[in-house]
C-alpha cells in the first residue's frame, strides 16, 4: 500500500430494496488512522452502506477496495471473515457466558496465552485491567462499551465500522467515552467509518464528515468546513437551528428587514433564502427598541418584539417577530437573558455568517 492509497475506497455503490434505491452512487475514501463519519437522518442509507462494506449485504453495483485490493464488485466477493474489518454496534453484543477477557479474546487466532496477553493489554488501555474475570452483566453500560471496543480492535482490523456505538449511553458518560475511544483508535492507526445521526458526535469525532441524504452523499469535508460552508439550507439546518429570511432577487440584490443582500447569479424575480444561525443575531441590550436604531457601523438594525424567551442551560433562547414583515427569528444569548413578551429590541445579523441559497436551487 502506498502512502497515497486509501485504506478503504468505495466507488459508486448502489443498493435497492423492493424497487426503492436506498444507496445511490455512494463513493468514499478513508485513510489509515482517519475517522470518517457518515452523518444523516434515519433511513438515508448509512447503515446499508456499512453492511455492504462489512460483507453482510451486497451492492447492486459499484466496487469496494481495501488497501487497493478489490473486495467486492463484478464477480469478486471476499467473505466477511477475510476482510479484516471490525464491527462495533450500539448493543455491544457481548457474550454473557464469557468473562470480560474471554470476550475480548474471542475473535483472536493463535495460542491461548498470546490471546490472553493481547486481551489484558487492551483492557488496561480502556481502563478495565482489573475486570478480566468479571462477566458483562457485572459491568455498567459505559464499561460494557469499552469492552466492546477492546474486542473490536483486538484482531487489529484494517478497518473498524461503528454503527451508532454510543447511542445507548447516558449523556454524562458519552463525551468521556467517545474521547477515550478516539484516542485508542488513533493510537492503533485503524481506519474508522462511523455512522451516526447526531451532528455533535460527528463534529467531535470525525476528521471528515460525509453528509448523507436520500441515499446520496450531498457534501463531504472537514467538520469546520462542512459546518461553515453548507451546500444548501438542509445541510445548514442539520447541524443547528437556523433562521430563514425569504426575499426576491432584483438586480443581484435581495431586500430584507436588515437591508439589501448581494445575490449574484440569481435570476431577477427568483426567490432567495438567507440562512443564519441563532447565535449570529446581535441584540442591542442597552436601549431596547427605544430611540433610533444603533449606529449603522455595526450593521443594519431592525426592530423586533419578543414572543418568547427561555433559559436552556448555558444560554438563553429568545424568539422574535419582526415589526417590518412578521418574520420570525430566534437568537441565542450567553447566560441569562429573559426579556418579557412584547419587549421591543433592535436586532442585527452578522452578514459574514449568513448563507444565501436560491429556493429550489
Protein backbone atom coordinates (compact mmCIF):
# COMPACT_ATOMS: atom_id res chain seq x y z
CA UNK A 1 0.00 0.00 0.00
CA UNK A 2 1.42 3.40 -0.98
CA UNK A 3 1.23 6.46 1.25
CA UNK A 4 -1.36 7.95 -1.11
CA UNK A 5 -3.56 4.87 -1.27
CA UNK A 6 -6.69 4.86 0.91
CA UNK A 7 -7.25 2.05 3.34
CA UNK A 8 -10.92 1.89 2.28
CA UNK A 9 -12.25 3.00 -1.09
CA UNK A 10 -15.84 2.64 -2.23
CA UNK A 11 -16.89 3.59 -5.73
CA UNK A 12 -20.43 4.30 -6.88
CA UNK A 13 -22.22 1.84 -4.59
CA UNK A 14 -25.92 1.36 -5.23
CA UNK A 15 -28.45 -0.81 -3.41
CA UNK A 16 -32.20 -1.18 -3.83
CA UNK A 17 -34.86 -2.92 -1.79
CA UNK A 18 -38.28 -3.69 -3.26
CA UNK A 19 -37.61 -1.33 -6.14
CA UNK A 20 -36.55 1.57 -3.91
CA UNK A 21 -32.95 2.77 -4.25
CA UNK A 22 -31.61 3.30 -0.71
CA UNK A 23 -27.92 3.76 -1.63
CA UNK A 24 -27.41 5.90 -4.70
CA UNK A 25 -23.92 6.17 -6.17
CA UNK A 26 -22.01 6.48 -2.90
CA UNK A 27 -18.24 6.99 -3.24
CA UNK A 28 -15.90 7.47 -0.30
CA UNK A 29 -12.24 7.07 0.76
CA UNK A 30 -10.89 6.52 4.28
CA UNK A 31 -7.15 6.68 5.00
CA UNK A 32 -5.31 4.68 7.68
CA UNK A 33 -5.77 6.37 11.06
CA UNK A 34 -8.60 8.53 9.71
CA UNK A 35 -12.07 8.75 11.27
CA UNK A 36 -14.76 9.43 8.69
CA UNK A 37 -18.36 9.88 9.73
CA UNK A 38 -21.41 9.01 7.65
CA UNK A 39 -23.89 11.51 9.04
CA UNK A 40 -27.54 11.77 8.19
CA UNK A 41 -31.11 11.18 9.30
CA UNK A 42 -32.58 7.72 9.86
CA UNK A 43 -33.33 5.94 6.61
CA UNK A 44 -30.83 7.83 4.46
CA UNK A 45 -28.73 4.73 3.64
CA UNK A 46 -25.91 4.98 6.19
CA UNK A 47 -26.28 1.55 7.79
CA UNK A 48 -26.89 -0.17 4.46
CA UNK A 49 -23.60 1.26 3.21
CA UNK A 50 -21.89 -0.07 6.33
CA UNK A 51 -23.42 -3.54 5.85
CA UNK A 52 -22.12 -3.68 2.28
CA UNK A 53 -18.59 -2.81 3.45
CA UNK A 54 -18.81 -5.45 6.19
CA UNK A 55 -19.91 -8.06 3.64
CA UNK A 56 -23.23 -8.90 5.29
CA UNK A 57 -25.10 -7.32 2.36
CA UNK A 58 -24.22 -6.96 -1.31
CA UNK A 59 -24.44 -3.94 -3.55
CA UNK A 60 -26.34 -3.97 -6.82
CA UNK A 61 -23.46 -2.15 -8.49
CA UNK A 62 -20.21 -0.43 -7.58
CA UNK A 63 -16.86 -1.58 -6.21
CA UNK A 64 -15.22 -1.83 -2.79
CA UNK A 65 -11.43 -1.83 -2.30
CA UNK A 66 -9.35 -2.39 0.84
CA UNK A 67 -5.69 -1.36 0.55
CA UNK A 68 -6.11 -1.26 -3.22
CA UNK A 69 -7.46 -4.82 -3.47
CA UNK A 70 -10.91 -5.37 -4.96
CA UNK A 71 -13.03 -6.92 -2.20
CA UNK A 72 -16.41 -6.94 -3.88
CA UNK A 73 -17.53 -5.82 -7.29
CA UNK A 74 -18.35 -7.58 -10.53
CA UNK A 75 -17.79 -11.28 -9.91
CA UNK A 76 -15.46 -10.71 -6.93
CA UNK A 77 -16.72 -11.25 -3.39
CA UNK A 78 -14.38 -11.71 -0.42
CA UNK A 79 -16.24 -13.24 2.57
CA UNK A 80 -16.71 -11.01 5.64
CA UNK A 81 -14.32 -13.01 7.81
CA UNK A 82 -11.48 -12.49 5.32
CA UNK A 83 -11.80 -8.69 5.00
CA UNK A 84 -10.02 -7.65 8.23
CA UNK A 85 -12.99 -5.43 9.04
CA UNK A 86 -14.07 -4.96 12.66
CA UNK A 87 -17.62 -4.17 13.72
CA UNK A 88 -18.96 -2.23 16.68
CA UNK A 89 -22.66 -1.63 17.25
CA UNK A 90 -24.86 0.16 19.76
CA UNK A 91 -25.96 -3.02 21.57
CA UNK A 92 -22.32 -4.11 22.26
CA UNK A 93 -23.29 -7.81 21.62
CA UNK A 94 -21.09 -9.19 24.39
CA UNK A 95 -21.34 -12.91 25.16
CA UNK A 96 -22.97 -13.19 28.60
CA UNK A 97 -21.46 -16.62 29.36
CA UNK A 98 -17.87 -15.48 28.73
CA UNK A 99 -15.69 -13.42 31.03
CA UNK A 100 -14.66 -9.94 30.01
CA UNK A 101 -11.19 -11.16 29.00
CA UNK A 102 -12.62 -14.06 27.00
CA UNK A 103 -14.99 -11.68 25.23
CA UNK A 104 -12.06 -9.54 24.14
CA UNK A 105 -10.03 -12.57 23.03
CA UNK A 106 -12.93 -14.28 21.25
CA UNK A 107 -12.01 -13.32 17.69
CA UNK A 108 -8.27 -13.88 18.02
CA UNK A 109 -6.27 -16.63 16.33
CA UNK A 110 -3.21 -18.15 17.96
CA UNK A 111 -2.44 -19.80 21.27
CA UNK A 112 -4.43 -19.07 24.38
CA UNK A 113 -1.55 -17.41 26.24
CA UNK A 114 -0.89 -14.91 23.42
CA UNK A 115 -4.58 -14.18 23.07
CA UNK A 116 -4.95 -13.57 26.80
CA UNK A 117 -1.94 -11.25 26.77
CA UNK A 118 -3.47 -9.18 23.95
CA UNK A 119 -6.81 -9.07 25.81
CA UNK A 120 -5.15 -7.96 29.04
CA UNK A 121 -3.20 -5.23 27.23
CA UNK A 122 -6.33 -3.83 25.66
CA UNK A 123 -8.32 -3.98 28.89
CA UNK A 124 -5.54 -1.96 30.53
CA UNK A 125 -5.77 0.62 27.72
CA UNK A 126 -9.51 1.04 28.18
CA UNK A 127 -9.17 1.31 31.97
CA UNK A 128 -10.56 -2.14 32.80
CA UNK A 129 -7.38 -4.01 33.59
CA UNK A 130 -8.79 -5.48 36.80
CA UNK A 131 -12.10 -6.61 35.24
CA UNK A 132 -10.87 -9.54 33.14
CA UNK A 133 -12.52 -12.16 35.34
CA UNK A 134 -15.84 -10.32 35.57
CA UNK A 135 -18.86 -11.04 33.39
CA UNK A 136 -20.70 -8.49 31.21
CA UNK A 137 -23.75 -8.30 33.49
CA UNK A 138 -21.49 -7.10 36.30
CA UNK A 139 -20.42 -4.02 34.33
CA UNK A 140 -22.07 -0.65 33.74
CA UNK A 141 -23.15 0.41 30.25
CA UNK A 142 -20.04 2.52 29.82
CA UNK A 143 -17.78 -0.33 30.91
CA UNK A 144 -19.51 -2.72 28.51
CA UNK A 145 -18.95 -0.24 25.71
CA UNK A 146 -15.23 -0.18 26.45
CA UNK A 147 -15.11 -3.98 26.44
CA UNK A 148 -16.85 -3.96 23.05
CA UNK A 149 -14.22 -1.51 21.76
CA UNK A 150 -11.38 -3.69 23.05
CA UNK A 151 -12.91 -6.75 21.40
CA UNK A 152 -13.40 -4.92 18.10
CA UNK A 153 -9.76 -3.80 17.85
CA UNK A 154 -8.18 -6.92 19.36
CA UNK A 155 -7.62 -8.64 15.96
CA UNK A 156 -6.03 -5.43 14.66
CA UNK A 157 -8.57 -4.88 11.87
CA UNK A 158 -7.55 -2.67 8.99
CA UNK A 159 -10.96 -1.00 9.13
CA UNK A 160 -13.40 -0.54 12.02
CA UNK A 161 -17.07 0.07 11.24
CA UNK A 162 -19.06 1.70 14.04
CA UNK A 163 -22.85 1.93 13.81
CA UNK A 164 -24.32 4.35 16.40
CA UNK A 165 -22.00 2.82 19.05
CA UNK A 166 -22.63 5.44 21.75
CA UNK A 167 -26.38 5.95 21.41
CA UNK A 168 -27.23 3.66 24.35
CA UNK A 169 -25.03 5.50 26.82
CA UNK A 170 -26.05 8.03 29.42
CA UNK A 171 -25.30 11.60 28.32
CA UNK A 172 -22.98 12.06 31.29
CA UNK A 173 -20.77 9.19 30.11
CA UNK A 174 -20.96 9.70 26.38
CA UNK A 175 -18.44 12.52 25.87
CA UNK A 176 -15.74 10.93 28.01
CA UNK A 177 -16.10 7.51 26.40
CA UNK A 178 -16.12 8.99 22.89
CA UNK A 179 -12.87 10.80 23.66
CA UNK A 180 -11.28 7.64 25.11
CA UNK A 181 -12.39 5.63 22.09
CA UNK A 182 -10.99 8.20 19.64
CA UNK A 183 -7.63 8.26 21.42
CA UNK A 184 -7.27 4.47 21.27
CA UNK A 185 -8.31 4.25 17.63
CA UNK A 186 -5.78 6.92 16.68
CA UNK A 187 -3.04 5.02 18.52
CA UNK A 188 -3.95 1.81 16.67
CA UNK A 189 -3.89 3.56 13.28
CA UNK A 190 -7.22 1.98 12.35
CA UNK A 191 -9.29 3.43 9.51
CA UNK A 192 -12.69 4.14 11.05
CA UNK A 193 -16.06 4.62 9.40
CA UNK A 194 -18.58 5.83 11.96
CA UNK A 195 -22.32 6.03 11.33
CA UNK A 196 -24.39 8.45 13.37
CA UNK A 197 -27.42 10.73 13.09
CA UNK A 198 -26.03 13.10 15.74
CA UNK A 199 -24.16 16.13 14.34
CA UNK A 200 -22.44 16.79 17.68
CA UNK A 201 -20.95 13.29 17.68
CA UNK A 202 -19.74 13.68 14.11
CA UNK A 203 -18.18 17.07 14.85
CA UNK A 204 -16.48 15.71 17.97
CA UNK A 205 -15.01 12.55 16.49
CA UNK A 206 -14.56 12.86 12.74
CA UNK A 207 -11.63 14.01 10.65
CA UNK A 208 -14.04 14.10 7.74
CA UNK A 209 -17.83 14.14 7.58
CA UNK A 210 -19.84 12.73 4.69
CA UNK A 211 -23.37 14.12 4.94
CA UNK A 212 -25.96 11.72 3.51
CA UNK A 213 -29.49 12.41 2.36
CA UNK A 214 -31.85 10.15 0.43
CA UNK A 215 -29.13 7.60 -0.26
CA UNK A 216 -26.57 10.09 -1.58
CA UNK A 217 -23.57 11.88 -0.12
CA UNK A 218 -24.51 15.52 -0.59
CA UNK A 219 -21.40 17.07 0.98
CA UNK A 220 -18.00 15.94 2.26
CA UNK A 221 -15.36 17.80 4.19
CA UNK A 222 -13.66 18.54 7.49
CA UNK A 223 -16.11 19.35 10.31
CA UNK A 224 -15.19 23.04 10.33
CA UNK A 225 -15.68 23.39 6.59
CA UNK A 226 -18.91 21.46 6.33
CA UNK A 227 -20.39 23.47 9.22
CA UNK A 228 -19.32 26.85 7.90
CA UNK A 229 -19.88 26.29 4.17
CA UNK A 230 -23.05 24.19 3.93
CA UNK A 231 -24.06 23.18 0.43
CA UNK A 232 -27.72 24.06 0.95
CA UNK A 233 -30.28 25.09 3.55
CA UNK A 234 -30.95 21.50 4.63
CA UNK A 235 -27.23 20.93 5.25
CA UNK A 236 -27.02 24.06 7.40
CA UNK A 237 -30.14 23.10 9.34
CA UNK A 238 -28.87 19.58 10.05
CA UNK A 239 -26.15 20.97 12.32
CA UNK A 240 -28.19 23.52 14.27
CA UNK A 241 -31.33 25.60 14.37
CA UNK A 242 -31.40 28.19 11.61
CA UNK A 243 -33.31 31.35 10.82
CA UNK A 244 -34.59 31.74 7.29
CA UNK A 245 -35.32 35.15 5.74
CA UNK A 246 -37.04 35.00 2.36
CA UNK A 247 -36.94 37.56 -0.40
CA UNK A 248 -36.81 38.01 -4.16
CA UNK A 249 -33.75 38.91 -6.16
CA UNK A 250 -33.83 42.21 -8.02
CA UNK A 251 -30.76 43.22 -9.94
CA UNK A 252 -28.49 40.89 -7.92
CA UNK A 253 -29.89 42.33 -4.66
CA UNK A 254 -32.48 40.90 -2.29
CA UNK A 255 -34.33 43.20 0.10
CA UNK A 256 -34.70 42.05 3.75
CA UNK A 257 -35.59 43.73 7.07
CA UNK A 258 -31.81 44.05 7.51
CA UNK A 259 -31.14 45.83 4.25
CA UNK A 260 -30.21 44.56 0.81
CA UNK A 261 -28.16 41.39 0.38
CA UNK A 262 -25.97 40.67 -2.62
CA UNK A 263 -27.37 37.67 -4.52
CA UNK A 264 -25.25 37.46 -7.67
CA UNK A 265 -26.07 34.78 -10.19
CA UNK A 266 -29.71 34.60 -9.11
CA UNK A 267 -32.28 35.45 -11.79
CA UNK A 268 -34.40 38.54 -11.27
CA UNK A 269 -37.62 37.65 -9.50
CA UNK A 270 -36.26 34.35 -8.18
CA UNK A 271 -36.99 33.55 -4.56
CA UNK A 272 -34.00 33.53 -2.23
CA UNK A 273 -33.43 32.17 1.27
CA UNK A 274 -30.94 33.90 3.57
CA UNK A 275 -29.99 31.48 6.34
CA UNK A 276 -28.36 32.44 9.63
CA UNK A 277 -27.84 30.57 12.87
CA UNK A 278 -29.39 31.95 16.10
CA UNK A 279 -26.01 32.67 17.71
CA UNK A 280 -25.18 35.12 14.92
CA UNK A 281 -28.02 37.55 15.62
CA UNK A 282 -26.92 40.65 17.53
CA UNK A 283 -29.17 42.37 20.06
CA UNK A 284 -28.89 45.94 21.30
CA UNK A 285 -29.25 45.26 25.03
CA UNK A 286 -28.79 48.85 26.24
CA UNK A 287 -31.67 50.76 24.67
CA UNK A 288 -34.10 48.03 23.71
CA UNK A 289 -36.36 49.32 20.96
CA UNK A 290 -36.35 52.87 22.27
CA UNK A 291 -35.00 55.72 20.20
CA UNK A 292 -33.34 55.48 16.81
CA UNK A 293 -31.56 52.36 15.58
CA UNK A 294 -27.94 51.91 16.69
CA UNK A 295 -25.08 53.09 14.52
CA UNK A 296 -25.01 51.54 11.05
CA UNK A 297 -21.32 50.86 11.62
CA UNK A 298 -22.47 47.68 13.36
CA UNK A 299 -24.80 46.56 10.56
CA UNK A 300 -28.37 47.33 9.56
CA UNK A 301 -30.64 47.11 12.58
CA UNK A 302 -34.32 46.21 12.56
CA UNK A 303 -36.86 46.21 15.37
CA UNK A 304 -38.44 43.01 16.63
CA UNK A 305 -40.73 42.13 19.51
CA UNK A 306 -40.10 39.29 21.90
CA UNK A 307 -42.55 36.43 21.54
CA UNK A 308 -40.89 34.03 24.00
CA UNK A 309 -37.66 33.71 25.99
CA UNK A 310 -36.33 30.59 27.68
CA UNK A 311 -33.21 29.69 29.62
CA UNK A 312 -31.77 26.42 28.26
CA UNK A 313 -28.71 25.71 30.37
CA UNK A 314 -25.68 27.76 29.36
CA UNK A 315 -27.60 30.18 27.17
CA UNK A 316 -30.97 31.79 26.58
CA UNK A 317 -33.15 31.34 23.52
CA UNK A 318 -35.16 34.42 22.52
CA UNK A 319 -37.81 34.28 19.79
CA UNK A 320 -38.79 37.45 17.92
CA UNK A 321 -41.40 38.64 15.46
CA UNK A 322 -40.02 41.40 13.24
CA UNK A 323 -42.06 44.60 13.06
CA UNK A 324 -41.41 45.16 9.35
CA UNK A 325 -42.85 41.97 7.86
CA UNK A 326 -43.72 39.49 10.62
CA UNK A 327 -40.66 37.29 10.00
CA UNK A 328 -39.97 35.03 13.00
CA UNK A 329 -36.37 34.79 14.19
CA UNK A 330 -34.53 33.08 17.04
CA UNK A 331 -31.45 34.37 18.84
CA UNK A 332 -29.27 32.67 21.42
CA UNK A 333 -27.61 34.75 24.11
CA UNK A 334 -24.90 33.55 26.52
CA UNK A 335 -26.01 33.28 30.16
CA UNK A 336 -29.42 34.55 31.32
CA UNK A 337 -31.41 36.99 29.20
CA UNK A 338 -35.19 36.72 29.62
CA UNK A 339 -36.98 39.83 28.32
CA UNK A 340 -40.73 39.93 28.75
CA UNK A 341 -43.14 39.19 25.90
CA UNK A 342 -43.71 42.16 23.53
CA UNK A 343 -40.45 43.82 24.60
CA UNK A 344 -39.12 45.77 21.59
CA UNK A 345 -35.44 45.22 20.76
CA UNK A 346 -33.12 46.30 17.98
CA UNK A 347 -31.60 43.32 16.16
CA UNK A 348 -28.86 42.99 13.54
CA UNK A 349 -27.33 39.98 11.85
CA UNK A 350 -23.73 39.08 11.07
CA UNK A 351 -23.58 39.18 7.30
CA UNK A 352 -20.33 37.25 7.23
CA UNK A 353 -22.19 34.37 8.88
CA UNK A 354 -25.16 34.31 6.50
CA UNK A 355 -25.70 31.71 3.79
CA UNK A 356 -27.63 32.65 0.65
CA UNK A 357 -29.42 29.94 -1.32
CA UNK A 358 -31.86 30.19 -4.23
CA UNK A 359 -35.12 28.41 -3.41
CA UNK A 360 -35.18 25.09 -5.22
CA UNK A 361 -31.56 25.55 -6.26
